[in-house]
Amino acid sequence: MHGRPRKAPKPEDEAASSAKAQKLRALQTQFFTFHHNKIYTKEAVELSAKLLEINPESYTAWNYRKLAVEHYLNLPDCNPDSIKSVLDDELRVVENALRQNFKSYGAWHHRKWVLSKGHSSIDNELRLLDKFQKADSRNFHAWNYRRYVAESMKRSEQDELKYAEDMIYTNFSNYSAWHNRSVLLSALFEKKAGGFLLKEKVLPEEYEFIHQAIFTDPDDQSGWFYHLWLLDQTVTTDSPLLASSWPGHGSDVLLVGDRCYNGSAFSPFSALHSDSGSFPIVLYFNQPVGGVNSSTVTVECGFNKNEDLFWKPLSASNSQTARVWVAHLKVPSSDLHSTVEVSVGHSKGIISTRGFVYSHPSMFSFKVHVQPMERDSSQVSVAENISLREENFKVYGTQSEESIIDSFDQLIIKNGHETTASNWRFEALAKEIECFRELLSLVDCKIGKLTLARLLKAYDAMSYPFANKLVHSEEVLELYSDLMKLDPTHYQFYKDEHSIVLLQKYKDSASSAICDPICLRLNNLSLSRMGAFEKLLWVQMLDLSHNELQSIEGLEAMQLLSCLSLRNNKLRSLTTLEPLRKLKSLRILDISYNQIGDQSIDTTRYVCSSPLSHSVGSELNRDETVTSDVALINNWEAFFIFKDFNLNQLDIVGNTIADEKFKSVLVKIMPKLKQLDGKLLD
């Protein structure tokens, strides 16, 4: 069992173990002879049964018995009685093996396989399960098998729900019973069966039920896990929603030459580098979805055909589902003043990874203005020599707090249908917040503080579109700060959560951070994780320097980003830069003074330093010749990360990897690079 110290074996125990091992080796030698020669005689099959009784984890022996069963069932003289006899023997062998180890994966799987043949009675299975669950009521193998048996017997979820409830009352610490209850309720919600049609009727009763367990023993984790599942059911809408978009509804997009401006701003920083004569349309959903294409999303304008648009998911795993989808809208080079209307989900086809259909069609529109203009040499030099220092964020003056709030909220899609549907969710969360504040006034409980923080975050997230303010952010930050001190083992997790809340709160005090409608400074905030990307799609120049970031996952959503500073963070490898490969507008990047190269192997992403063990480069055609340059071959990570970049400026000084040899490799990979570590390149 877990946590029990090992004891030195006694001499008699060692002798018994040695004799058992010798017997096992002899059985295995004889068994493998039968198996390799495909011998399925009675003697051979009985020998495999003896082997499994000693070692139920012998998967080869279970597979051999499957082959033996198939052999007998295909004999010419096989009849229903002989079939039943063979299968009943298999069930007895499984039962004997489970008596030795009722957590044997192979034994439980073999029993399912026997029953799937359809010649055995299933009525005895629940009685057998009762025996095993009395021996260990938390045995998840038995609970998994019980779900299989209940489905085979057409036993109702309500009956199984009552059984799980009885087992919980017997032992509040039965995590498997709580988990089974969540599985059953999920199935009932999906079926919309009987009284389980509406979550608002069921979940409040479940909260009351779980309170009994939590208040009885706050230190037991079983009930807390179930409460976390209830919270997820409360705050997560089944149907996916469009959370935000760029361009935002009612905004103006100005394209001058090959540059794009959002609104009326006109600065060197506001240029969207669009050499292809297009600009991105970004859709940000509240959960990963698939099926976004020209049929499910229609773009109506006077200068481009909807069917010509190709929607691409922005996913780190290269899957066909993602929260963020992007398409590039091509525009003519001549004068143009046109309105673009984007309709999402008016035709069915957008489906979440959980299988729910996008059922709340959305529409937003914006205006596009094109003004042809030739750039002179001074404009080129300004755009290609932008420094990411603080003073550049102040060039265009500080905006009012109202404009700052608008900058954060202009992209948010207002889903009016949520208002009435969320009333019960607000009430449920408010009651839970009150309940756990009371609990923490009585006991000092780490998991109670974590749960209260999650509840407060969920309440703020749900009320944000209406209240336009995170009312509990200070309390949540204090809870995570306490947890970092109380539970140092999980410090990084609490630190990441603290960073997310701090970033979301930042809107209310960001008057010094946003100095231009497209520039955002989030430096010196001790951020270890980024978030709230749905509110940052408008940002083109972002300063994240002097933080504690170890990952920039999610940054790929910021498709307008052209200037990015990650200076003085804790990025440990080149592969952490992978999200930046999807930022086609990125021209200026500062990753100086991180920890890139401190470890020869990227332990956070893969075990061995090989391109075969990582997703970077997985999209490369296997018939394609990458390069014959030895230096590039020896720096395959750098090649696959930077080969698609179109950078003008890069700063990498202060990293272990940044020696002169590596810099020469970067110049080969990015021939368009004009400035490296502040020095102009020839």
Foldseek 3Di string as FASTA:
>chain_A
DPPDDDDDDDPVVVVVVVVLVVVLVVLVVVLVVCQVVVNLDPVNLVSLLVNCLSPVQPLVSLVSLVSSLVVQCPDPPDDLVNNAVSLVVLLVSLLSSCVVPVLHPSSLVSNVVSVVVVSDDLVCVVVSLVVVCVVPVQRLSSVVSVVVSCVVVVPALVVLLVVLVVSCVVPVLNLSSLVSNLVSLVVCCVVCDDPSVDPLVVLVVVVVVLVVSCLVPVARCSSVVSVVSSLCVLQDDQAKDFFFKPPFFAWEWEAEAQFIATHDDDDLLRGQRHPVQWDKIKTAIPAKKAQDALVQKPKDKDADHSNVWGKQALDPLRDRIHRMIMTIDHDDQDWDKMKMKMKGGPDWGIAGPVGHTNDQIDMGMYIYTHHYDDDDPVSVVPNLDDDLDPVVQPPQHFDDLVVLLCLLPRGTGDDPVVPVVNPSSLVSLVVVLVVLVVVCVVPPHLSSLVVNLVSLVSNQVSCCVPVVASPCLVVSLVSLVVNCVVPVVCNVVSLQVSLASCVVRCSNVQRVQHTDSAGGEDDPPQHQEDDSVSRNLRHAAYEHDHHAHQADPPCLSNQSHAHYEHHHYAHAELVSLQSCLNRARHAYYEHAQYAYPVDPDPVVAADDPDPVTHCQVVPPDPVDDQDPDPLCVVVVSLLSRPLSHAYQEYEHHNYPVPDPSVVVVNCVSHVNHQYYNRHGDD
